[in-house]
């Protein structure tokens, strides 16, 4: 409970504010209880609201199978172990997009897509050990 002293037109008032909910305040002025509706100006924020356009999901119809739909594979550039696989079967990837991360010679290496393609099949999982030239992913 908050206590205030107001002077209005030379008259002094002792005001005890019991509670405020939304725009309704319960007050006691000089011992008499009142419920007061509060009218206040809604201040506009000076900070602009950022609206970002939604990014459409790529459609598989953008990439067409060439030459009867032959698949190719992405091979391991070095012997090592798979740390993470960043795609799943059916995903559409663009050229230079990361497909997976592997550790080779105590370094993390990103394996990137060589062209725009669709992931057909994942042949490895995190923790697998691969040799140089082993197929990691099949793509269309």
N, C-alpha and C. Protein backbone atom coordinates (compact mmCIF):
# COMPACT_ATOMS: atom_id res chain seq x y z
N UNK A 1 0.85 -1.17 0.00
CA UNK A 1 0.00 0.00 0.00
C UNK A 1 0.90 1.23 0.00
N UNK A 2 0.64 2.15 -0.92
CA UNK A 2 1.43 3.37 -1.02
C UNK A 2 0.60 4.54 -0.53
N UNK A 3 1.27 5.48 0.15
CA UNK A 3 0.58 6.65 0.68
C UNK A 3 1.11 7.89 -0.01
N UNK A 4 0.17 8.77 -0.38
CA UNK A 4 0.51 10.01 -1.06
C UNK A 4 -0.25 11.15 -0.42
N UNK A 5 0.25 12.39 -0.62
CA UNK A 5 -0.47 13.61 -0.24
C UNK A 5 -0.62 14.43 -1.51
N UNK A 6 -1.85 14.75 -1.87
CA UNK A 6 -2.14 15.57 -3.03
C UNK A 6 -2.75 16.88 -2.58
N UNK A 7 -2.39 17.94 -3.29
CA UNK A 7 -3.02 19.23 -3.07
C UNK A 7 -3.67 19.62 -4.38
N UNK A 8 -5.00 19.72 -4.35
CA UNK A 8 -5.77 20.06 -5.54
C UNK A 8 -6.59 21.30 -5.21
N UNK A 9 -6.38 22.40 -5.96
CA UNK A 9 -7.08 23.67 -5.75
C UNK A 9 -6.99 24.13 -4.30
N UNK A 10 -5.81 23.93 -3.67
CA UNK A 10 -5.60 24.39 -2.30
C UNK A 10 -6.06 23.41 -1.25
N UNK A 11 -6.75 22.33 -1.61
CA UNK A 11 -7.21 21.33 -0.65
C UNK A 11 -6.21 20.17 -0.60
N UNK A 12 -5.87 19.71 0.61
CA UNK A 12 -4.92 18.61 0.79
C UNK A 12 -5.69 17.31 0.99
N UNK A 13 -5.23 16.27 0.30
CA UNK A 13 -5.87 14.96 0.37
C UNK A 13 -4.81 13.92 0.73
N UNK A 14 -5.16 13.03 1.70
CA UNK A 14 -4.32 11.88 2.01
C UNK A 14 -4.84 10.71 1.20
N UNK A 15 -3.99 10.15 0.35
CA UNK A 15 -4.41 9.09 -0.56
C UNK A 15 -3.59 7.84 -0.27
N UNK A 16 -4.31 6.72 -0.06
CA UNK A 16 -3.66 5.42 0.08
C UNK A 16 -4.05 4.58 -1.13
N UNK A 17 -3.06 4.12 -1.87
CA UNK A 17 -3.32 3.32 -3.06
C UNK A 17 -3.23 1.85 -2.67
N UNK A 18 -4.37 1.13 -2.72
CA UNK A 18 -4.40 -0.28 -2.34
C UNK A 18 -3.85 -1.16 -3.46
N UNK A 19 -4.43 -1.03 -4.66
CA UNK A 19 -3.97 -1.88 -5.76
C UNK A 19 -4.33 -1.25 -7.09
N UNK A 20 -3.58 -1.66 -8.11
CA UNK A 20 -3.86 -1.24 -9.49
C UNK A 20 -3.85 -2.49 -10.35
N UNK A 21 -4.95 -2.73 -11.05
CA UNK A 21 -5.05 -3.83 -11.99
C UNK A 21 -5.55 -3.27 -13.30
N UNK A 22 -4.75 -3.48 -14.36
CA UNK A 22 -5.05 -2.93 -15.68
C UNK A 22 -5.26 -1.43 -15.56
N UNK A 23 -6.50 -0.95 -15.80
CA UNK A 23 -6.76 0.48 -15.72
C UNK A 23 -7.69 0.82 -14.55
N UNK A 24 -7.77 -0.07 -13.54
CA UNK A 24 -8.65 0.16 -12.38
C UNK A 24 -7.81 0.20 -11.11
N UNK A 25 -7.92 1.32 -10.36
CA UNK A 25 -7.16 1.50 -9.12
C UNK A 25 -8.12 1.56 -7.94
N UNK A 26 -7.74 0.90 -6.84
CA UNK A 26 -8.52 0.98 -5.59
C UNK A 26 -7.77 1.93 -4.67
N UNK A 27 -8.43 3.04 -4.33
CA UNK A 27 -7.83 4.09 -3.52
C UNK A 27 -8.67 4.35 -2.28
N UNK A 28 -8.01 4.93 -1.30
CA UNK A 28 -8.73 5.42 -0.12
C UNK A 28 -8.29 6.87 0.05
N UNK A 29 -9.24 7.80 -0.13
CA UNK A 29 -8.94 9.22 -0.07
C UNK A 29 -9.59 9.79 1.18
N UNK A 30 -8.76 10.30 2.10
CA UNK A 30 -9.21 10.83 3.39
C UNK A 30 -10.16 9.86 4.09
N UNK A 31 -9.86 8.53 4.02
CA UNK A 31 -10.65 7.52 4.72
C UNK A 31 -11.82 6.95 3.93
N UNK A 32 -12.12 7.49 2.75
CA UNK A 32 -13.23 7.00 1.94
C UNK A 32 -12.69 6.16 0.78
N UNK A 33 -13.17 4.89 0.64
CA UNK A 33 -12.65 4.04 -0.45
C UNK A 33 -13.28 4.41 -1.80
N UNK A 34 -12.46 4.33 -2.85
CA UNK A 34 -12.90 4.61 -4.21
C UNK A 34 -12.28 3.59 -5.16
N UNK A 35 -13.01 3.33 -6.25
CA UNK A 35 -12.44 2.59 -7.37
C UNK A 35 -12.35 3.59 -8.51
N UNK A 36 -11.15 3.79 -9.01
CA UNK A 36 -10.90 4.83 -9.98
C UNK A 36 -10.42 4.20 -11.28
N UNK A 37 -11.01 4.64 -12.39
CA UNK A 37 -10.55 4.18 -13.70
C UNK A 37 -9.45 5.12 -14.17
N UNK A 38 -8.34 4.54 -14.58
CA UNK A 38 -7.18 5.34 -14.99
C UNK A 38 -7.19 5.46 -16.51
N UNK A 39 -7.13 6.70 -16.98
CA UNK A 39 -7.02 6.97 -18.41
C UNK A 39 -5.61 7.49 -18.64
N UNK A 40 -4.90 6.82 -19.51
CA UNK A 40 -3.54 7.27 -19.79
C UNK A 40 -3.27 7.12 -21.27
N UNK A 41 -2.37 7.95 -21.74
CA UNK A 41 -1.99 7.95 -23.13
C UNK A 41 -1.05 6.77 -23.37
N UNK A 42 -1.33 6.02 -24.39
CA UNK A 42 -0.46 4.91 -24.74
C UNK A 42 0.71 5.49 -25.52
N UNK A 43 1.90 5.34 -24.95
CA UNK A 43 3.08 5.90 -25.59
C UNK A 43 3.58 4.94 -26.65
N UNK A 44 3.91 5.52 -27.79
CA UNK A 44 4.46 4.70 -28.86
C UNK A 44 5.94 4.55 -28.65
N UNK A 45 6.43 3.38 -28.93
CA UNK A 45 7.85 3.10 -28.79
C UNK A 45 8.63 3.82 -29.88
N UNK A 46 9.76 4.37 -29.49
CA UNK A 46 10.61 5.04 -30.47
C UNK A 46 11.47 4.02 -31.22
N UNK A 47 11.56 2.83 -30.67
CA UNK A 47 12.34 1.78 -31.32
C UNK A 47 11.48 1.14 -32.40
N UNK A 48 11.95 1.10 -33.63
CA UNK A 48 11.14 0.51 -34.70
C UNK A 48 11.04 -1.00 -34.53
N UNK A 49 9.93 -1.55 -34.96
CA UNK A 49 9.74 -2.98 -34.94
C UNK A 49 10.29 -3.56 -36.23
N UNK A 50 11.16 -4.54 -36.08
CA UNK A 50 11.76 -5.15 -37.26
C UNK A 50 10.89 -6.30 -37.74
N UNK A 51 10.50 -6.24 -38.98
CA UNK A 51 9.73 -7.31 -39.58
C UNK A 51 10.61 -7.93 -40.65
N UNK A 52 10.88 -9.20 -40.48
CA UNK A 52 11.72 -9.89 -41.45
C UNK A 52 10.85 -10.78 -42.30
N UNK A 53 11.06 -10.76 -43.61
CA UNK A 53 10.26 -11.62 -44.47
C UNK A 53 10.60 -13.08 -44.22
N UNK A 54 9.60 -13.92 -44.34
CA UNK A 54 9.87 -15.34 -44.15
C UNK A 54 10.60 -15.87 -45.37
N UNK A 55 11.49 -16.81 -45.12
CA UNK A 55 12.28 -17.39 -46.19
C UNK A 55 11.55 -18.63 -46.69
N UNK A 56 11.20 -18.65 -47.99
CA UNK A 56 10.49 -19.82 -48.49
C UNK A 56 11.41 -21.03 -48.51
N UNK A 57 10.83 -22.19 -48.20
CA UNK A 57 11.60 -23.42 -48.26
C UNK A 57 11.80 -23.81 -49.71
N UNK A 58 12.98 -24.30 -50.05
CA UNK A 58 13.22 -24.68 -51.43
C UNK A 58 12.34 -25.86 -51.83
N UNK A 59 11.97 -25.86 -53.08
CA UNK A 59 11.10 -26.89 -53.61
C UNK A 59 11.94 -27.88 -54.40
N UNK A 60 11.68 -29.17 -54.22
CA UNK A 60 12.47 -30.18 -54.92
C UNK A 60 12.29 -30.11 -56.43
N UNK A 61 11.23 -29.46 -56.89
CA UNK A 61 11.01 -29.35 -58.33
C UNK A 61 12.05 -28.44 -58.98
N UNK A 62 12.78 -27.64 -58.17
CA UNK A 62 13.81 -26.77 -58.72
C UNK A 62 14.98 -27.57 -59.30
N UNK A 63 15.23 -28.75 -58.71
CA UNK A 63 16.35 -29.57 -59.16
C UNK A 63 15.77 -30.79 -59.85
N UNK A 64 16.15 -30.97 -61.08
CA UNK A 64 15.63 -32.09 -61.86
C UNK A 64 16.72 -33.11 -62.07
N UNK A 65 16.31 -34.37 -62.14
CA UNK A 65 17.27 -35.44 -62.39
C UNK A 65 17.73 -35.32 -63.83
N UNK A 66 19.04 -35.52 -64.02
CA UNK A 66 19.61 -35.43 -65.35
C UNK A 66 20.04 -36.82 -65.80
N UNK A 67 19.82 -37.12 -67.04
CA UNK A 67 20.30 -38.38 -67.59
C UNK A 67 19.74 -39.60 -66.91
N UNK A 68 18.46 -39.63 -66.62
CA UNK A 68 17.83 -40.80 -66.02
C UNK A 68 17.98 -40.87 -64.51
N UNK A 69 18.48 -39.84 -63.89
CA UNK A 69 18.53 -39.79 -62.43
C UNK A 69 19.66 -40.58 -61.83
N UNK A 70 20.82 -40.54 -62.42
CA UNK A 70 21.95 -41.25 -61.84
C UNK A 70 22.43 -40.53 -60.59
N UNK A 71 22.84 -41.32 -59.63
CA UNK A 71 23.33 -40.72 -58.39
C UNK A 71 24.85 -40.74 -58.41
N UNK A 72 25.42 -39.81 -57.67
CA UNK A 72 26.86 -39.79 -57.48
C UNK A 72 27.10 -39.74 -55.98
N UNK A 73 28.32 -39.95 -55.58
CA UNK A 73 28.59 -39.94 -54.15
C UNK A 73 29.63 -38.89 -53.81
N UNK A 74 29.56 -38.42 -52.57
CA UNK A 74 30.56 -37.50 -52.03
C UNK A 74 31.54 -38.36 -51.27
N UNK A 75 32.82 -38.27 -51.62
CA UNK A 75 33.84 -39.13 -51.03
C UNK A 75 34.60 -38.40 -49.93
N UNK A 76 35.14 -39.17 -49.01
CA UNK A 76 35.95 -38.62 -47.92
C UNK A 76 37.27 -38.11 -48.49
N UNK A 77 37.64 -36.86 -48.22
CA UNK A 77 38.89 -36.32 -48.77
C UNK A 77 40.13 -36.88 -48.07
N UNK A 78 39.99 -37.31 -46.81
CA UNK A 78 41.10 -37.83 -46.01
C UNK A 78 40.57 -38.94 -45.11
N UNK A 79 41.40 -39.81 -44.60
CA UNK A 79 40.93 -40.75 -43.59
C UNK A 79 40.66 -40.00 -42.29
N UNK A 80 39.60 -40.38 -41.59
CA UNK A 80 39.27 -39.70 -40.34
C UNK A 80 37.99 -40.24 -39.76
N UNK A 81 37.39 -39.46 -38.83
CA UNK A 81 36.13 -39.88 -38.22
C UNK A 81 35.09 -38.78 -38.38
N UNK A 82 33.84 -39.20 -38.48
CA UNK A 82 32.73 -38.27 -38.69
C UNK A 82 32.34 -37.64 -37.36
N UNK A 83 32.28 -36.31 -37.33
CA UNK A 83 31.88 -35.59 -36.12
C UNK A 83 30.38 -35.28 -36.16
N UNK A 84 29.90 -34.74 -37.27
CA UNK A 84 28.47 -34.41 -37.37
C UNK A 84 28.03 -34.49 -38.82
N UNK A 85 26.76 -34.84 -38.99
CA UNK A 85 26.13 -34.85 -40.32
C UNK A 85 25.08 -33.75 -40.30
N UNK A 86 25.19 -32.77 -41.19
CA UNK A 86 24.35 -31.58 -41.16
C UNK A 86 23.14 -31.66 -42.08
N UNK A 87 22.96 -32.77 -42.80
CA UNK A 87 21.84 -32.91 -43.73
C UNK A 87 21.15 -34.24 -43.47
N UNK A 88 19.98 -34.41 -44.08
CA UNK A 88 19.28 -35.69 -44.00
C UNK A 88 18.78 -36.04 -45.39
N UNK A 89 18.37 -37.26 -45.58
CA UNK A 89 17.91 -37.71 -46.88
C UNK A 89 16.72 -36.86 -47.33
N UNK A 90 16.76 -36.43 -48.58
CA UNK A 90 15.69 -35.60 -49.13
C UNK A 90 15.98 -34.12 -49.09
N UNK A 91 17.00 -33.70 -48.34
CA UNK A 91 17.35 -32.27 -48.26
C UNK A 91 17.91 -31.78 -49.60
N UNK A 92 17.61 -30.54 -49.90
CA UNK A 92 18.17 -29.88 -51.07
C UNK A 92 19.34 -29.03 -50.58
N UNK A 93 20.49 -29.21 -51.19
CA UNK A 93 21.67 -28.43 -50.80
C UNK A 93 22.18 -27.65 -52.00
N UNK A 94 22.74 -26.53 -51.73
CA UNK A 94 23.32 -25.67 -52.76
C UNK A 94 24.83 -25.87 -52.79
N UNK A 95 25.43 -25.46 -53.86
CA UNK A 95 26.87 -25.57 -54.01
C UNK A 95 27.57 -24.88 -52.85
N UNK A 96 28.59 -25.52 -52.31
CA UNK A 96 29.41 -25.03 -51.19
C UNK A 96 28.67 -25.02 -49.85
N UNK A 97 27.51 -25.66 -49.75
CA UNK A 97 26.83 -25.80 -48.46
C UNK A 97 27.46 -26.97 -47.72
N UNK A 98 27.64 -26.85 -46.40
CA UNK A 98 28.26 -27.91 -45.60
C UNK A 98 27.33 -29.11 -45.50
N UNK A 99 27.88 -30.28 -45.80
CA UNK A 99 27.12 -31.52 -45.71
C UNK A 99 27.43 -32.22 -44.38
N UNK A 100 28.72 -32.29 -44.05
CA UNK A 100 29.11 -32.92 -42.78
C UNK A 100 30.46 -32.38 -42.34
N UNK A 101 30.82 -32.71 -41.09
CA UNK A 101 32.10 -32.32 -40.53
C UNK A 101 32.82 -33.60 -40.12
N UNK A 102 34.09 -33.71 -40.53
CA UNK A 102 34.87 -34.86 -40.14
C UNK A 102 36.20 -34.41 -39.55
N UNK A 103 36.75 -35.24 -38.66
CA UNK A 103 38.04 -34.94 -38.06
C UNK A 103 39.08 -35.78 -38.77
N UNK A 104 40.11 -35.11 -39.26
CA UNK A 104 41.21 -35.79 -39.92
C UNK A 104 42.51 -35.10 -39.51
N UNK A 105 43.48 -35.85 -39.08
CA UNK A 105 44.76 -35.32 -38.64
C UNK A 105 44.58 -34.24 -37.56
N UNK A 106 43.72 -34.52 -36.59
CA UNK A 106 43.45 -33.64 -35.45
C UNK A 106 42.88 -32.28 -35.84
N UNK A 107 42.26 -32.22 -37.01
CA UNK A 107 41.62 -30.97 -37.46
C UNK A 107 40.21 -31.29 -37.93
N UNK A 108 39.30 -30.33 -37.68
CA UNK A 108 37.94 -30.48 -38.19
C UNK A 108 37.89 -29.99 -39.63
N UNK A 109 37.31 -30.80 -40.50
CA UNK A 109 37.21 -30.46 -41.92
C UNK A 109 35.76 -30.46 -42.35
N UNK A 110 35.33 -29.39 -42.99
CA UNK A 110 33.97 -29.32 -43.52
C UNK A 110 33.95 -30.00 -44.89
N UNK A 111 32.99 -30.88 -45.09
CA UNK A 111 32.80 -31.49 -46.40
C UNK A 111 31.64 -30.75 -47.05
N UNK A 112 31.89 -30.10 -48.18
CA UNK A 112 30.93 -29.23 -48.85
C UNK A 112 30.36 -29.87 -50.10
N UNK A 113 29.16 -29.44 -50.49
CA UNK A 113 28.55 -29.91 -51.73
C UNK A 113 29.30 -29.29 -52.91
N UNK A 114 29.59 -30.12 -53.91
CA UNK A 114 30.30 -29.63 -55.08
C UNK A 114 29.37 -28.95 -56.08
N UNK A 115 28.05 -29.21 -55.96
CA UNK A 115 27.06 -28.64 -56.88
C UNK A 115 25.71 -28.61 -56.19
N UNK A 116 24.73 -27.94 -56.78
CA UNK A 116 23.36 -27.98 -56.28
C UNK A 116 22.86 -29.41 -56.46
N UNK A 117 22.29 -29.99 -55.40
CA UNK A 117 21.87 -31.38 -55.49
C UNK A 117 20.82 -31.70 -54.43
N UNK A 118 20.30 -32.92 -54.50
CA UNK A 118 19.38 -33.44 -53.50
C UNK A 118 20.07 -34.61 -52.81
N UNK A 119 20.03 -34.63 -51.48
CA UNK A 119 20.65 -35.72 -50.73
C UNK A 119 19.76 -36.96 -50.89
N UNK A 120 20.32 -38.00 -51.48
CA UNK A 120 19.58 -39.24 -51.71
C UNK A 120 19.71 -40.18 -50.53
N UNK A 121 20.94 -40.34 -50.00
CA UNK A 121 21.17 -41.32 -48.94
C UNK A 121 22.39 -40.91 -48.13
N UNK A 122 22.28 -41.02 -46.81
CA UNK A 122 23.41 -40.76 -45.91
C UNK A 122 24.05 -42.11 -45.60
N UNK A 123 25.34 -42.25 -45.87
CA UNK A 123 26.02 -43.53 -45.70
C UNK A 123 26.85 -43.63 -44.42
N UNK A 124 26.98 -42.51 -43.70
CA UNK A 124 27.77 -42.50 -42.46
C UNK A 124 26.97 -41.84 -41.35
N UNK A 125 27.44 -42.02 -40.12
CA UNK A 125 26.82 -41.35 -38.98
C UNK A 125 27.93 -40.88 -38.04
N UNK A 126 27.63 -39.94 -37.14
CA UNK A 126 28.67 -39.43 -36.23
C UNK A 126 29.34 -40.57 -35.47
N UNK A 127 30.66 -40.50 -35.41
CA UNK A 127 31.44 -41.53 -34.72
C UNK A 127 32.04 -42.56 -35.66
N UNK A 128 31.54 -42.65 -36.91
CA UNK A 128 32.08 -43.61 -37.88
C UNK A 128 33.48 -43.19 -38.30
N UNK A 129 34.32 -44.19 -38.56
CA UNK A 129 35.67 -43.96 -39.09
C UNK A 129 35.65 -44.30 -40.57
N UNK A 130 36.23 -43.42 -41.38
CA UNK A 130 36.24 -43.62 -42.84
C UNK A 130 37.66 -43.51 -43.37
N UNK A 131 37.88 -44.15 -44.53
CA UNK A 131 39.16 -44.04 -45.22
C UNK A 131 39.04 -43.05 -46.35
N UNK A 132 40.16 -42.58 -46.85
CA UNK A 132 40.15 -41.65 -47.97
C UNK A 132 39.46 -42.31 -49.17
N UNK A 133 38.52 -41.59 -49.78
CA UNK A 133 37.80 -42.10 -50.94
C UNK A 133 36.53 -42.85 -50.60
N UNK A 134 36.26 -43.15 -49.32
CA UNK A 134 35.02 -43.82 -48.93
C UNK A 134 33.83 -42.91 -49.24
N UNK A 135 32.74 -43.52 -49.70
CA UNK A 135 31.52 -42.75 -49.99
C UNK A 135 30.86 -42.34 -48.67
N UNK A 136 30.52 -41.05 -48.56
CA UNK A 136 29.90 -40.52 -47.36
C UNK A 136 28.40 -40.31 -47.56
N UNK A 137 28.04 -39.75 -48.73
CA UNK A 137 26.65 -39.37 -49.03
C UNK A 137 26.41 -39.62 -50.51
N UNK A 138 25.21 -40.11 -50.83
CA UNK A 138 24.82 -40.22 -52.23
C UNK A 138 23.92 -39.04 -52.57
N UNK A 139 24.17 -38.42 -53.72
CA UNK A 139 23.39 -37.24 -54.15
C UNK A 139 22.88 -37.43 -55.55
N UNK A 140 21.81 -36.71 -55.87
CA UNK A 140 21.26 -36.70 -57.23
C UNK A 140 21.82 -35.53 -57.99
